[in-house]
């Protein structure tokens, strides 16, 4: 938990609004919470990522586009969009990567 709080503190220090989900209902509940809060992105770090000092950043705006338009979209366009919906970065790249995702939707 302290590690996750550190991520939130790092983002806030860079003037990026951030909060930590404290529920215990699993990943789907966490992402639904972020969606209800109109979050642009979610930061995820499971044990595999933690072992490699990496973080997954889910672009929730692009993810919603992927989900709603998948059947009407050409396959290559769908795959490109899906690739943009989630990226894995080093912990050191957290702030820059989140700023990049936020910049897509400003």
Protein backbone atom coordinates (compact mmCIF):
# COMPACT_ATOMS: atom_id res chain seq x y z
CA UNK A 1 0.00 0.00 0.00
CA UNK A 2 2.85 2.40 0.78
CA UNK A 3 4.19 1.94 -2.74
CA UNK A 4 0.79 2.84 -4.24
CA UNK A 5 0.53 5.87 -1.97
CA UNK A 6 3.95 6.91 -3.27
CA UNK A 7 2.63 6.82 -6.84
CA UNK A 8 -0.28 9.04 -5.85
CA UNK A 9 2.06 11.44 -4.07
CA UNK A 10 4.38 11.55 -7.11
CA UNK A 11 1.49 12.36 -9.44
CA UNK A 12 0.10 15.02 -7.12
CA UNK A 13 3.55 16.61 -6.77
CA UNK A 14 3.49 16.96 -10.57
CA UNK A 15 0.06 18.69 -10.34
CA UNK A 16 -1.77 15.66 -11.68
CA UNK A 17 -4.97 14.92 -9.75
CA UNK A 18 -4.76 11.39 -8.37
CA UNK A 19 -6.49 9.20 -5.85
CA UNK A 20 -6.03 5.70 -4.52
CA UNK A 21 -8.85 3.17 -4.68
CA UNK A 22 -9.18 1.57 -1.25
CA UNK A 23 -11.91 -0.97 -1.96
CA UNK A 24 -11.18 -4.66 -2.03
CA UNK A 25 -13.57 -5.94 -4.69
CA UNK A 26 -11.01 -6.61 -7.41
CA UNK A 27 -9.78 -5.05 -10.64
CA UNK A 28 -13.18 -4.69 -12.34
CA UNK A 29 -14.56 -2.77 -9.36
CA UNK A 30 -11.50 -0.53 -9.38
CA UNK A 31 -11.89 0.28 -13.07
CA UNK A 32 -15.63 0.88 -12.69
CA UNK A 33 -14.85 3.27 -9.83
CA UNK A 34 -12.36 5.14 -12.02
CA UNK A 35 -14.96 5.31 -14.78
CA UNK A 36 -17.59 6.72 -12.40
CA UNK A 37 -15.05 9.36 -11.34
CA UNK A 38 -14.55 10.28 -15.02
CA UNK A 39 -10.88 9.39 -14.76
CA UNK A 40 -8.88 9.60 -17.95
CA UNK A 41 -6.50 6.86 -16.94
CA UNK A 42 -5.85 4.25 -14.29
CA UNK A 43 -2.51 3.13 -12.93
CA UNK A 44 -2.16 -0.57 -12.19
CA UNK A 45 0.70 -2.50 -10.67
CA UNK A 46 0.32 -6.17 -9.93
CA UNK A 47 3.00 -8.45 -8.56
CA UNK A 48 4.46 -9.15 -12.02
CA UNK A 49 4.86 -5.45 -12.77
CA UNK A 50 6.15 -4.71 -9.27
CA UNK A 51 8.90 -7.32 -9.70
CA UNK A 52 10.08 -5.43 -12.81
CA UNK A 53 9.51 -1.90 -11.41
CA UNK A 54 6.87 -1.33 -14.07
CA UNK A 55 3.39 0.16 -14.13
CA UNK A 56 0.47 -0.40 -16.46
CA UNK A 57 -1.35 2.74 -17.55
CA UNK A 58 -4.84 2.17 -18.91
CA UNK A 59 -6.20 4.97 -21.07
CA UNK A 60 -9.85 4.72 -20.07
CA UNK A 61 -11.06 7.08 -22.80
CA UNK A 62 -9.47 5.04 -25.57
CA UNK A 63 -10.55 1.83 -23.84
CA UNK A 64 -14.17 3.00 -23.99
CA UNK A 65 -13.77 3.77 -27.70
CA UNK A 66 -12.37 0.29 -28.29
CA UNK A 67 -15.30 -1.29 -26.49
CA UNK A 68 -18.00 0.72 -28.21
CA UNK A 69 -16.69 0.76 -31.78
CA UNK A 70 -14.91 -2.59 -32.11
CA UNK A 71 -17.46 -4.28 -34.35
CA UNK A 72 -17.75 -1.32 -36.75
CA UNK A 73 -14.04 -0.68 -37.13
CA UNK A 74 -11.54 -2.15 -39.61
CA UNK A 75 -9.31 -4.71 -37.89
CA UNK A 76 -6.05 -2.74 -38.26
CA UNK A 77 -7.65 0.39 -36.85
CA UNK A 78 -9.08 -1.65 -33.97
CA UNK A 79 -5.69 -3.17 -33.16
CA UNK A 80 -3.98 0.22 -33.25
CA UNK A 81 -6.61 1.72 -30.97
CA UNK A 82 -6.45 -1.25 -28.61
CA UNK A 83 -2.66 -0.88 -28.38
CA UNK A 84 -3.08 2.77 -27.34
CA UNK A 85 -5.55 1.79 -24.61
CA UNK A 86 -2.88 0.22 -22.39
CA UNK A 87 0.84 0.72 -22.03
CA UNK A 88 3.48 -0.62 -19.69
CA UNK A 89 6.15 1.81 -18.50
CA UNK A 90 8.92 1.88 -15.92
CA UNK A 91 8.06 3.45 -12.57
CA UNK A 92 10.47 6.26 -13.43
CA UNK A 93 8.34 7.16 -16.46
CA UNK A 94 5.09 7.41 -14.48
CA UNK A 95 4.63 11.18 -14.56
CA UNK A 96 5.70 11.67 -18.18
CA UNK A 97 3.55 8.78 -19.37
CA UNK A 98 0.46 9.93 -17.49
CA UNK A 99 0.96 13.45 -18.87
CA UNK A 100 1.13 11.97 -22.38
CA UNK A 101 -2.15 10.11 -21.85
CA UNK A 102 -3.83 13.18 -20.36
CA UNK A 103 -2.54 15.28 -23.26
CA UNK A 104 -4.39 13.06 -25.72
CA UNK A 105 -7.71 14.13 -24.24
CA UNK A 106 -7.32 17.81 -23.35
